[in-house]
Amino acid sequence: MSISLKCKSGLLSLLLLGLAVGMAYAQPRTVTGTITAEDVGPLPGVNIIIQGTTQGAVTSVDGSYNITVPGPDAVLVYSFKSNEFFSPK
């Protein structure tokens, strides 16, 4: 049983296309955003960490951040510690 040259080149093209799509899917991406609170506005100093790593970012004075993640399945964990005390109104 022999496979024709045309069929072999078609299979090779399909394999290369699949490889290219897989590589594009795994490319790092930059995630940007702004963290705000309804009653306060922008939140500076919020920590954003990629789950399972030590890679992270911190929001700026206007609550904005950007972080490069390794792919679309990355999970971001947000944490914020405030030294302000709030009293009920």
PDB file of N, CA and C in Angstrom:
ATOM      1  N   MET A   1       0.849  -1.166   0.000  1.00  0.00           N
ATOM      2  CA  MET A   1       0.000   0.000   0.000  1.00  0.00           C
ATOM      3  C   MET A   1       0.893   1.226   0.000  1.00  0.00           C
ATOM      4  N   SER A   2       0.784   2.021  -1.007  1.00  0.00           N
ATOM      5  CA  SER A   2       1.621   3.208  -1.066  1.00  0.00           C
ATOM      6  C   SER A   2       0.738   4.445  -1.026  1.00  0.00           C
ATOM      7  N   ILE A   3       1.274   5.497  -0.415  1.00  0.00           N
ATOM      8  CA  ILE A   3       0.559   6.765  -0.324  1.00  0.00           C
ATOM      9  C   ILE A   3       1.126   7.685  -1.391  1.00  0.00           C
ATOM     10  N   SER A   4       0.253   8.310  -2.121  1.00  0.00           N
ATOM     11  CA  SER A   4       0.713   9.170  -3.202  1.00  0.00           C
ATOM     12  C   SER A   4       1.439  10.399  -2.648  1.00  0.00           C
ATOM     13  N   LEU A   5       2.255  10.989  -3.486  1.00  0.00           N
ATOM     14  CA  LEU A   5       3.017  12.182  -3.113  1.00  0.00           C
ATOM     15  C   LEU A   5       2.067  13.329  -2.771  1.00  0.00           C
ATOM     16  N   LYS A   6       0.963  13.435  -3.496  1.00  0.00           N
ATOM     17  CA  LYS A   6      -0.015  14.490  -3.253  1.00  0.00           C
ATOM     18  C   LYS A   6      -0.624  14.336  -1.859  1.00  0.00           C
ATOM     19  N   CYS A   7      -0.920  13.118  -1.476  1.00  0.00           N
ATOM     20  CA  CYS A   7      -1.494  12.844  -0.156  1.00  0.00           C
ATOM     21  C   CYS A   7      -0.471  13.130   0.938  1.00  0.00           C
ATOM     22  N   LYS A   8       0.792  12.753   0.691  1.00  0.00           N
ATOM     23  CA  LYS A   8       1.851  13.006   1.674  1.00  0.00           C
ATOM     24  C   LYS A   8       2.046  14.499   1.894  1.00  0.00           C
ATOM     25  N   SER A   9       2.045  15.279   0.809  1.00  0.00           N
ATOM     26  CA  SER A   9       2.241  16.716   0.955  1.00  0.00           C
ATOM     27  C   SER A   9       1.041  17.358   1.653  1.00  0.00           C
ATOM     28  N   GLY A  10      -0.147  16.829   1.418  1.00  0.00           N
ATOM     29  CA  GLY A  10      -1.341  17.335   2.104  1.00  0.00           C
ATOM     30  C   GLY A  10      -1.280  17.059   3.594  1.00  0.00           C
ATOM     31  N   LEU A  11      -0.837  15.854   3.967  1.00  0.00           N
ATOM     32  CA  LEU A  11      -0.702  15.507   5.371  1.00  0.00           C
ATOM     33  C   LEU A  11       0.372  16.354   6.048  1.00  0.00           C
ATOM     34  N   LEU A  12       1.471  16.584   5.352  1.00  0.00           N
ATOM     35  CA  LEU A  12       2.546  17.412   5.888  1.00  0.00           C
ATOM     36  C   LEU A  12       2.057  18.841   6.095  1.00  0.00           C
ATOM     37  N   SER A  13       1.305  19.367   5.136  1.00  0.00           N
ATOM     38  CA  SER A  13       0.755  20.724   5.263  1.00  0.00           C
ATOM     39  C   SER A  13      -0.184  20.819   6.459  1.00  0.00           C
ATOM     40  N   LEU A  14      -1.016  19.816   6.641  1.00  0.00           N
ATOM     41  CA  LEU A  14      -1.941  19.784   7.762  1.00  0.00           C
ATOM     42  C   LEU A  14      -1.186  19.720   9.088  1.00  0.00           C
ATOM     43  N   LEU A  15      -0.152  18.925   9.157  1.00  0.00           N
ATOM     44  CA  LEU A  15       0.665  18.805  10.358  1.00  0.00           C
ATOM     45  C   LEU A  15       1.335  20.140  10.685  1.00  0.00           C
ATOM     46  N   LEU A  16       1.902  20.802   9.679  1.00  0.00           N
ATOM     47  CA  LEU A  16       2.563  22.085   9.900  1.00  0.00           C
ATOM     48  C   LEU A  16       1.563  23.156  10.330  1.00  0.00           C
ATOM     49  N   LEU A  17       0.374  23.152   9.759  1.00  0.00           N
ATOM     50  CA  LEU A  17      -0.658  24.101  10.148  1.00  0.00           C
ATOM     51  C   LEU A  17      -1.051  23.888  11.617  1.00  0.00           C
ATOM     52  N   GLY A  18      -1.236  22.644  11.996  1.00  0.00           N
ATOM     53  CA  GLY A  18      -1.567  22.332  13.385  1.00  0.00           C
ATOM     54  C   GLY A  18      -0.474  22.762  14.349  1.00  0.00           C
ATOM     55  N   LEU A  19       0.774  22.572  13.953  1.00  0.00           N
ATOM     56  CA  LEU A  19       1.902  22.980  14.774  1.00  0.00           C
ATOM     57  C   LEU A  19       1.937  24.501  14.917  1.00  0.00           C
ATOM     58  N   ALA A  20       1.699  25.214  13.836  1.00  0.00           N
ATOM     59  CA  ALA A  20       1.700  26.680  13.870  1.00  0.00           C
ATOM     60  C   ALA A  20       0.579  27.209  14.754  1.00  0.00           C
ATOM     61  N   VAL A  21      -0.602  26.624  14.660  1.00  0.00           N
ATOM     62  CA  VAL A  21      -1.726  27.055  15.490  1.00  0.00           C
ATOM     63  C   VAL A  21      -1.419  26.776  16.958  1.00  0.00           C
ATOM     64  N   GLY A  22      -0.845  25.633  17.255  1.00  0.00           N
ATOM     65  CA  GLY A  22      -0.478  25.294  18.631  1.00  0.00           C
ATOM     66  C   GLY A  22       0.546  26.249  19.198  1.00  0.00           C
ATOM     67  N   MET A  23       1.514  26.641  18.391  1.00  0.00           N
ATOM     68  CA  MET A  23       2.530  27.576  18.854  1.00  0.00           C
ATOM     69  C   MET A  23       1.928  28.961  19.079  1.00  0.00           C
ATOM     70  N   ALA A  24       1.021  29.381  18.226  1.00  0.00           N
ATOM     71  CA  ALA A  24       0.379  30.686  18.388  1.00  0.00           C
ATOM     72  C   ALA A  24      -0.483  30.704  19.643  1.00  0.00           C
ATOM     73  N   TYR A  25      -1.141  29.598  19.935  1.00  0.00           N
ATOM     74  CA  TYR A  25      -2.003  29.492  21.105  1.00  0.00           C
ATOM     75  C   TYR A  25      -1.183  29.594  22.383  1.00  0.00           C
ATOM     76  N   ALA A  26       0.043  29.109  22.377  1.00  0.00           N
ATOM     77  CA  ALA A  26       0.879  29.073  23.572  1.00  0.00           C
ATOM     78  C   ALA A  26       1.724  30.330  23.754  1.00  0.00           C
ATOM     79  N   GLN A  27       1.559  31.328  22.907  1.00  0.00           N
ATOM     80  CA  GLN A  27       2.355  32.540  23.007  1.00  0.00           C
ATOM     81  C   GLN A  27       1.960  33.348  24.235  1.00  0.00           C
ATOM     82  N   PRO A  28       2.941  34.018  24.844  1.00  0.00           N
ATOM     83  CA  PRO A  28       2.624  34.901  25.984  1.00  0.00           C
ATOM     84  C   PRO A  28       1.687  36.018  25.542  1.00  0.00           C
ATOM     85  N   ARG A  29       0.860  36.439  26.457  1.00  0.00           N
ATOM     86  CA  ARG A  29      -0.087  37.521  26.202  1.00  0.00           C
ATOM     87  C   ARG A  29       0.042  38.557  27.311  1.00  0.00           C
ATOM     88  N   THR A  30      -0.248  39.804  26.996  1.00  0.00           N
ATOM     89  CA  THR A  30      -0.258  40.847  28.009  1.00  0.00           C
ATOM     90  C   THR A  30      -1.700  41.140  28.391  1.00  0.00           C
ATOM     91  N   VAL A  31      -1.972  41.055  29.678  1.00  0.00           N
ATOM     92  CA  VAL A  31      -3.296  41.348  30.217  1.00  0.00           C
ATOM     93  C   VAL A  31      -3.210  42.723  30.868  1.00  0.00           C
ATOM     94  N   THR A  32      -4.147  43.597  30.537  1.00  0.00           N
ATOM     95  CA  THR A  32      -4.188  44.921  31.142  1.00  0.00           C
ATOM     96  C   THR A  32      -5.551  45.127  31.772  1.00  0.00           C
ATOM     97  N   GLY A  33      -5.599  45.985  32.772  1.00  0.00           N
ATOM     98  CA  GLY A  33      -6.871  46.255  33.411  1.00  0.00           C
ATOM     99  C   GLY A  33      -6.762  47.363  34.427  1.00  0.00           C
ATOM    100  N   THR A  34      -7.887  47.700  35.014  1.00  0.00           N
ATOM    101  CA  THR A  34      -7.970  48.694  36.078  1.00  0.00           C
ATOM    102  C   THR A  34      -8.835  48.112  37.176  1.00  0.00           C
ATOM    103  N   ILE A  35      -8.354  48.211  38.400  1.00  0.00           N
ATOM    104  CA  ILE A  35      -9.095  47.690  39.540  1.00  0.00           C
ATOM    105  C   ILE A  35      -9.672  48.870  40.305  1.00  0.00           C
ATOM    106  N   THR A  36     -10.982  48.823  40.508  1.00  0.00           N
ATOM    107  CA  THR A  36     -11.671  49.885  41.233  1.00  0.00           C
ATOM    108  C   THR A  36     -12.612  49.282  42.260  1.00  0.00           C
ATOM    109  N   ALA A  37     -12.998  50.105  43.222  1.00  0.00           N
ATOM    110  CA  ALA A  37     -14.028  49.742  44.188  1.00  0.00           C
ATOM    111  C   ALA A  37     -15.156  50.749  44.028  1.00  0.00           C
ATOM    112  N   GLU A  38     -16.388  50.298  44.121  1.00  0.00           N
ATOM    113  CA  GLU A  38     -17.530  51.175  43.896  1.00  0.00           C
ATOM    114  C   GLU A  38     -17.498  52.406  44.788  1.00  0.00           C
ATOM    115  N   ASP A  39     -17.188  52.219  46.058  1.00  0.00           N
ATOM    116  CA  ASP A  39     -17.267  53.324  47.014  1.00  0.00           C
ATOM    117  C   ASP A  39     -15.983  54.148  47.126  1.00  0.00           C
ATOM    118  N   VAL A  40     -14.869  53.660  46.566  1.00  0.00           N
ATOM    119  CA  VAL A  40     -13.575  54.330  46.731  1.00  0.00           C
ATOM    120  C   VAL A  40     -13.000  54.826  45.411  1.00  0.00           C
ATOM    121  N   GLY A  41     -13.232  54.109  44.324  1.00  0.00           N
ATOM    122  CA  GLY A  41     -12.627  54.432  43.033  1.00  0.00           C
ATOM    123  C   GLY A  41     -11.441  53.536  42.759  1.00  0.00           C
ATOM    124  N   PRO A  42     -10.423  54.034  42.050  1.00  0.00           N
ATOM    125  CA  PRO A  42      -9.257  53.203  41.703  1.00  0.00           C
ATOM    126  C   PRO A  42      -8.523  52.710  42.952  1.00  0.00           C
ATOM    127  N   LEU A  43      -8.029  51.477  42.885  1.00  0.00           N
ATOM    128  CA  LEU A  43      -7.300  50.893  44.014  1.00  0.00           C
ATOM    129  C   LEU A  43      -5.822  50.721  43.666  1.00  0.00           C
ATOM    130  N   PRO A  44      -4.962  51.578  44.200  1.00  0.00           N
ATOM    131  CA  PRO A  44      -3.521  51.392  43.996  1.00  0.00           C
ATOM    132  C   PRO A  44      -2.996  50.340  44.959  1.00  0.00           C
ATOM    133  N   GLY A  45      -1.944  49.643  44.573  1.00  0.00           N
ATOM    134  CA  GLY A  45      -1.293  48.685  45.469  1.00  0.00           C
ATOM    135  C   GLY A  45      -1.916  47.307  45.527  1.00  0.00           C
ATOM    136  N   VAL A  46      -2.778  46.978  44.577  1.00  0.00           N
ATOM    137  CA  VAL A  46      -3.350  45.625  44.527  1.00  0.00           C
ATOM    138  C   VAL A  46      -2.307  44.707  43.890  1.00  0.00           C
ATOM    139  N   ASN A  47      -2.052  43.573  44.512  1.00  0.00           N
ATOM    140  CA  ASN A  47      -1.100  42.588  43.976  1.00  0.00           C
ATOM    141  C   ASN A  47      -1.816  41.655  43.020  1.00  0.00           C
ATOM    142  N   ILE A  48      -1.192  41.414  41.879  1.00  0.00           N
ATOM    143  CA  ILE A  48      -1.711  40.468  40.895  1.00  0.00           C
ATOM    144  C   ILE A  48      -0.601  39.447  40.657  1.00  0.00           C
ATOM    145  N   ILE A  49      -0.876  38.191  40.928  1.00  0.00           N
ATOM    146  CA  ILE A  49       0.107  37.119  40.789  1.00  0.00           C
ATOM    147  C   ILE A  49      -0.438  36.062  39.842  1.00  0.00           C
ATOM    148  N   ILE A  50       0.432  35.500  38.994  1.00  0.00           N
ATOM    149  CA  ILE A  50       0.031  34.356  38.170  1.00  0.00           C
ATOM    150  C   ILE A  50       0.088  33.137  39.071  1.00  0.00           C
ATOM    151  N   GLN A  51      -1.052  32.491  39.235  1.00  0.00           N
ATOM    152  CA  GLN A  51      -1.170  31.358  40.151  1.00  0.00           C
ATOM    153  C   GLN A  51      -0.106  30.306  39.866  1.00  0.00           C
ATOM    154  N   GLY A  52       0.556  29.838  40.933  1.00  0.00           N
ATOM    155  CA  GLY A  52       1.579  28.803  40.810  1.00  0.00           C
ATOM    156  C   GLY A  52       2.950  29.340  40.445  1.00  0.00           C
ATOM    157  N   THR A  53       3.107  30.667  40.388  1.00  0.00           N
ATOM    158  CA  THR A  53       4.390  31.283  40.062  1.00  0.00           C
ATOM    159  C   THR A  53       4.686  32.386  41.068  1.00  0.00           C
ATOM    160  N   THR A  54       5.841  32.998  40.905  1.00  0.00           N
ATOM    161  CA  THR A  54       6.168  34.187  41.690  1.00  0.00           C
ATOM    162  C   THR A  54       6.105  35.433  40.810  1.00  0.00           C
ATOM    163  N   GLN A  55       5.621  35.283  39.594  1.00  0.00           N
ATOM    164  CA  GLN A  55       5.520  36.386  38.637  1.00  0.00           C
ATOM    165  C   GLN A  55       4.266  37.193  38.936  1.00  0.00           C
ATOM    166  N   GLY A  56       4.428  38.519  39.018  1.00  0.00           N
ATOM    167  CA  GLY A  56       3.274  39.335  39.325  1.00  0.00           C
ATOM    168  C   GLY A  56       3.442  40.786  38.961  1.00  0.00           C
ATOM    169  N   ALA A  57       2.452  41.574  39.356  1.00  0.00           N
ATOM    170  CA  ALA A  57       2.433  43.009  39.108  1.00  0.00           C
ATOM    171  C   ALA A  57       1.660  43.662  40.240  1.00  0.00           C
ATOM    172  N   VAL A  58       1.757  44.995  40.301  1.00  0.00           N
ATOM    173  CA  VAL A  58       1.041  45.782  41.311  1.00  0.00           C
ATOM    174  C   VAL A  58       0.344  46.929  40.586  1.00  0.00           C
ATOM    175  N   THR A  59      -0.892  47.237  41.013  1.00  0.00           N
ATOM    176  CA  THR A  59      -1.607  48.334  40.370  1.00  0.00           C
ATOM    177  C   THR A  59      -0.952  49.671  40.716  1.00  0.00           C
ATOM    178  N   SER A  60      -1.032  50.593  39.755  1.00  0.00           N
ATOM    179  CA  SER A  60      -0.463  51.934  39.936  1.00  0.00           C
ATOM    180  C   SER A  60      -1.458  52.824  40.677  1.00  0.00           C
ATOM    181  N   VAL A  61      -1.116  54.087  40.811  1.00  0.00           N
ATOM    182  CA  VAL A  61      -1.945  55.037  41.543  1.00  0.00           C
ATOM    183  C   VAL A  61      -3.366  55.112  40.987  1.00  0.00           C
ATOM    184  N   ASP A  62      -3.519  54.953  39.677  1.00  0.00           N
ATOM    185  CA  ASP A  62      -4.852  55.014  39.074  1.00  0.00           C
ATOM    186  C   ASP A  62      -5.529  53.648  38.979  1.00  0.00           C
ATOM    187  N   GLY A  63      -4.964  52.628  39.647  1.00  0.00           N
ATOM    188  CA  GLY A  63      -5.559  51.295  39.680  1.00  0.00           C
ATOM    189  C   GLY A  63      -5.266  50.437  38.467  1.00  0.00           C
ATOM    190  N   SER A  64      -4.451  50.934  37.543  1.00  0.00           N
ATOM    191  CA  SER A  64      -4.183  50.180  36.312  1.00  0.00           C
ATOM    192  C   SER A  64      -2.993  49.242  36.486  1.00  0.00           C
ATOM    193  N   TYR A  65      -2.976  48.199  35.669  1.00  0.00           N
ATOM    194  CA  TYR A  65      -1.877  47.239  35.687  1.00  0.00           C
ATOM    195  C   TYR A  65      -1.754  46.581  34.322  1.00  0.00           C
ATOM    196  N   ASN A  66      -0.602  45.979  34.075  1.00  0.00           N
ATOM    197  CA  ASN A  66      -0.422  45.071  32.940  1.00  0.00           C
ATOM    198  C   ASN A  66       0.543  43.995  33.375  1.00  0.00           C
ATOM    199  N   ILE A  67       0.280  42.804  32.897  1.00  0.00           N
ATOM    200  CA  ILE A  67       1.074  41.641  33.267  1.00  0.00           C
ATOM    201  C   ILE A  67       1.124  40.691  32.068  1.00  0.00           C
ATOM    202  N   THR A  68       2.289  40.124  31.812  1.00  0.00           N
ATOM    203  CA  THR A  68       2.438  39.170  30.721  1.00  0.00           C
ATOM    204  C   THR A  68       2.212  37.770  31.267  1.00  0.00           C
ATOM    205  N   VAL A  69       1.253  37.071  30.683  1.00  0.00           N
ATOM    206  CA  VAL A  69       0.924  35.709  31.115  1.00  0.00           C
ATOM    207  C   VAL A  69       1.408  34.719  30.060  1.00  0.00           C
ATOM    208  N   PRO A  70       1.721  33.487  30.474  1.00  0.00           N
ATOM    209  CA  PRO A  70       2.279  32.510  29.537  1.00  0.00           C
ATOM    210  C   PRO A  70       1.290  31.970  28.512  1.00  0.00           C
ATOM    211  N   GLY A  71       0.014  32.105  28.741  1.00  0.00           N
ATOM    212  CA  GLY A  71      -0.967  31.588  27.797  1.00  0.00           C
ATOM    213  C   GLY A  71      -2.370  31.831  28.295  1.00  0.00           C
ATOM    214  N   PRO A  72      -3.368  31.401  27.537  1.00  0.00           N
ATOM    215  CA  PRO A  72      -4.765  31.683  27.865  1.00  0.00           C
ATOM    216  C   PRO A  72      -5.291  30.936  29.090  1.00  0.00           C
ATOM    217  N   ASP A  73      -4.576  29.920  29.553  1.00  0.00           N
ATOM    218  CA  ASP A  73      -5.038  29.162  30.708  1.00  0.00           C
ATOM    219  C   ASP A  73      -4.486  29.697  32.025  1.00  0.00           C
ATOM    220  N   ALA A  74      -3.688  30.764  31.981  1.00  0.00           N
ATOM    221  CA  ALA A  74      -3.112  31.335  33.197  1.00  0.00           C
ATOM    222  C   ALA A  74      -4.229  31.886  34.092  1.00  0.00           C
ATOM    223  N   VAL A  75      -4.072  31.692  35.399  1.00  0.00           N
ATOM    224  CA  VAL A  75      -5.045  32.179  36.366  1.00  0.00           C
ATOM    225  C   VAL A  75      -4.387  33.300  37.163  1.00  0.00           C
ATOM    226  N   LEU A  76      -5.051  34.459  37.197  1.00  0.00           N
ATOM    227  CA  LEU A  76      -4.539  35.586  37.968  1.00  0.00           C
ATOM    228  C   LEU A  76      -5.203  35.607  39.337  1.00  0.00           C
ATOM    229  N   VAL A  77      -4.383  35.853  40.367  1.00  0.00           N
ATOM    230  CA  VAL A  77      -4.877  35.937  41.741  1.00  0.00           C
ATOM    231  C   VAL A  77      -4.652  37.370  42.212  1.00  0.00           C
ATOM    232  N   TYR A  78      -5.706  37.998  42.686  1.00  0.00           N
ATOM    233  CA  TYR A  78      -5.649  39.382  43.133  1.00  0.00           C
ATOM    234  C   TYR A  78      -5.714  39.425  44.655  1.00  0.00           C
ATOM    235  N   SER A  79      -4.876  40.273  45.263  1.00  0.00           N
ATOM    236  CA  SER A  79      -4.951  40.447  46.714  1.00  0.00           C
ATOM    237  C   SER A  79      -4.686  41.910  47.055  1.00  0.00           C
ATOM    238  N   PHE A  80      -5.325  42.352  48.116  1.00  0.00           N
ATOM    239  CA  PHE A  80      -5.212  43.750  48.522  1.00  0.00           C
ATOM    240  C   PHE A  80      -5.277  43.818  50.029  1.00  0.00           C
ATOM    241  N   LYS A  81      -4.319  44.514  50.602  1.00  0.00           N
ATOM    242  CA  LYS A  81      -4.307  44.707  52.046  1.00  0.00           C
ATOM    243  C   LYS A  81      -4.366  46.201  52.295  1.00  0.00           C
ATOM    244  N   SER A  82      -5.376  46.620  52.998  1.00  0.00           N
ATOM    245  CA  SER A  82      -5.562  48.041  53.276  1.00  0.00           C
ATOM    246  C   SER A  82      -5.246  48.336  54.732  1.00  0.00           C
ATOM    247  N   ASN A  83      -4.579  49.418  54.951  1.00  0.00           N
ATOM    248  CA  ASN A  83      -4.311  49.862  56.327  1.00  0.00           C
ATOM    249  C   ASN A  83      -5.367  50.835  56.811  1.00  0.00           C
ATOM    250  N   GLU A  84      -6.357  51.073  55.986  1.00  0.00           N
ATOM    251  CA  GLU A  84      -7.426  51.978  56.372  1.00  0.00           C
ATOM    252  C   GLU A  84      -8.500  51.223  57.155  1.00  0.00           C
ATOM    253  N   PHE A  85      -9.078  51.912  58.109  1.00  0.00           N
ATOM    254  CA  PHE A  85     -10.160  51.328  58.882  1.00  0.00           C
ATOM    255  C   PHE A  85     -11.454  51.999  58.466  1.00  0.00           C
ATOM    256  N   PHE A  86     -12.449  51.211  58.211  1.00  0.00           N
ATOM    257  CA  PHE A  86     -13.742  51.737  57.796  1.00  0.00           C
ATOM    258  C   PHE A  86     -14.735  51.528  58.925  1.00  0.00           C
ATOM    259  N   SER A  87     -15.501  52.540  59.195  1.00  0.00           N
ATOM    260  CA  SER A  87     -16.536  52.388  60.205  1.00  0.00           C
ATOM    261  C   SER A  87     -17.888  52.442  59.516  1.00  0.00           C
ATOM    262  N   PRO A  88     -18.829  51.675  60.015  1.00  0.00           N
ATOM    263  CA  PRO A  88     -20.159  51.683  59.407  1.00  0.00           C
ATOM    264  C   PRO A  88     -20.796  53.059  59.556  1.00  0.00           C
ATOM    265  N   LYS A  89     -21.566  53.439  58.566  1.00  0.00           N
ATOM    266  CA  LYS A  89     -22.248  54.756  58.626  1.00  0.00           C
ATOM    267  C   LYS A  89     -23.587  54.639  59.309  1.00  0.00           C
TER     268      LYS A  89
END
